[in-house]
């Protein structure tokens, strides 16, 4: 229930409905890479599996605090050497 992940997922569904399968796979690969770089993923793992306190400390804590710029960052093109190649 990370506010950032919720907004990113909503955007992913919006965009994915207009993309080809190949474009969706590239987008989802970018999202996976970005979530491992900088997201609440690690905090969710900590709260659920490591400390098992069930109290993740999301950053930001509210949907209203997740900026459009932050959401767009997840969808940006990766460096050419890191992009998914479907050839």
Protein backbone atom coordinates (compact mmCIF):
# COMPACT_ATOMS: atom_id res chain seq x y z
CA UNK A 1 0.00 0.00 0.00
CA UNK A 2 2.90 2.33 -0.67
CA UNK A 3 1.49 5.64 -1.94
CA UNK A 4 4.27 5.83 -4.53
CA UNK A 5 3.64 2.30 -5.77
CA UNK A 6 -0.08 2.93 -5.96
CA UNK A 7 0.40 5.99 -8.18
CA UNK A 8 3.00 4.27 -10.35
CA UNK A 9 0.74 1.22 -10.78
CA UNK A 10 -2.22 3.40 -11.76
CA UNK A 11 -0.08 5.16 -14.38
CA UNK A 12 1.23 1.80 -15.59
CA UNK A 13 -2.33 0.56 -16.16
CA UNK A 14 -3.28 3.76 -17.99
CA UNK A 15 -0.27 3.63 -20.29
CA UNK A 16 -0.27 -0.13 -20.76
CA UNK A 17 -3.75 -0.12 -22.25
CA UNK A 18 -2.40 1.95 -25.17
CA UNK A 19 0.86 0.07 -25.80
CA UNK A 20 1.87 -3.01 -27.73
CA UNK A 21 3.07 -6.09 -25.89
CA UNK A 22 6.72 -5.23 -26.65
CA UNK A 23 6.24 -1.67 -25.39
CA UNK A 24 4.57 -2.99 -22.22
CA UNK A 25 7.45 -5.37 -21.55
CA UNK A 26 9.96 -2.55 -21.94
CA UNK A 27 7.91 -0.30 -19.64
CA UNK A 28 7.59 -3.03 -17.01
CA UNK A 29 11.31 -3.76 -17.16
CA UNK A 30 12.04 -0.05 -16.56
CA UNK A 31 9.63 -0.06 -13.62
CA UNK A 32 11.30 -3.11 -12.08
CA UNK A 33 14.75 -1.53 -12.40
CA UNK A 34 13.57 1.80 -10.98
CA UNK A 35 11.79 0.15 -8.04
CA UNK A 36 15.00 -1.63 -7.10
CA UNK A 37 16.96 1.63 -7.40
CA UNK A 38 14.75 3.91 -5.36
CA UNK A 39 11.35 3.00 -4.02
CA UNK A 40 9.48 1.69 -1.04
CA UNK A 41 10.09 -1.90 -2.16
CA UNK A 42 12.89 -2.45 0.35
CA UNK A 43 10.82 -0.90 3.14
CA UNK A 44 7.92 -3.20 2.33
CA UNK A 45 10.21 -6.24 2.43
CA UNK A 46 11.65 -5.07 5.74
CA UNK A 47 8.24 -4.60 7.35
CA UNK A 48 6.77 -7.85 6.04
CA UNK A 49 9.65 -10.32 5.97
CA UNK A 50 12.63 -9.08 7.96
CA UNK A 51 11.38 -7.28 11.07
CA UNK A 52 7.82 -8.61 10.62
CA UNK A 53 6.44 -5.54 12.36
CA UNK A 54 3.84 -4.98 9.61
CA UNK A 55 4.51 -1.23 9.93
CA UNK A 56 6.17 0.04 6.77
CA UNK A 57 7.37 3.63 6.86
CA UNK A 58 6.49 4.76 3.35
CA UNK A 59 8.19 7.80 1.89
CA UNK A 60 6.14 9.83 1.20
CA UNK A 61 3.41 8.72 3.55
CA UNK A 62 0.38 10.11 1.64
CA UNK A 63 -0.82 9.90 -1.97
CA UNK A 64 -1.09 13.68 -2.11
CA UNK A 65 2.62 13.97 -1.37
CA UNK A 66 3.73 11.79 -4.30
CA UNK A 67 4.75 14.29 -6.97
CA UNK A 68 4.13 13.90 -10.68
CA UNK A 69 7.87 14.27 -11.24
CA UNK A 70 8.55 11.31 -8.95
CA UNK A 71 5.99 9.14 -10.76
CA UNK A 72 7.43 10.10 -14.17
CA UNK A 73 10.94 9.16 -13.01
CA UNK A 74 9.91 5.49 -12.87
CA UNK A 75 8.94 5.55 -16.56
CA UNK A 76 11.98 7.36 -17.94
CA UNK A 77 14.16 5.65 -20.48
CA UNK A 78 17.11 3.79 -18.99
CA UNK A 79 20.64 4.31 -20.32
CA UNK A 80 21.00 2.52 -23.69
CA UNK A 81 23.22 -0.16 -22.19
CA UNK A 82 20.54 -0.99 -19.59
CA UNK A 83 17.38 -0.94 -21.73
CA UNK A 84 15.55 -4.20 -22.42
CA UNK A 85 16.34 -5.44 -25.94
CA UNK A 86 13.64 -7.52 -27.60
CA UNK A 87 15.43 -8.48 -30.80
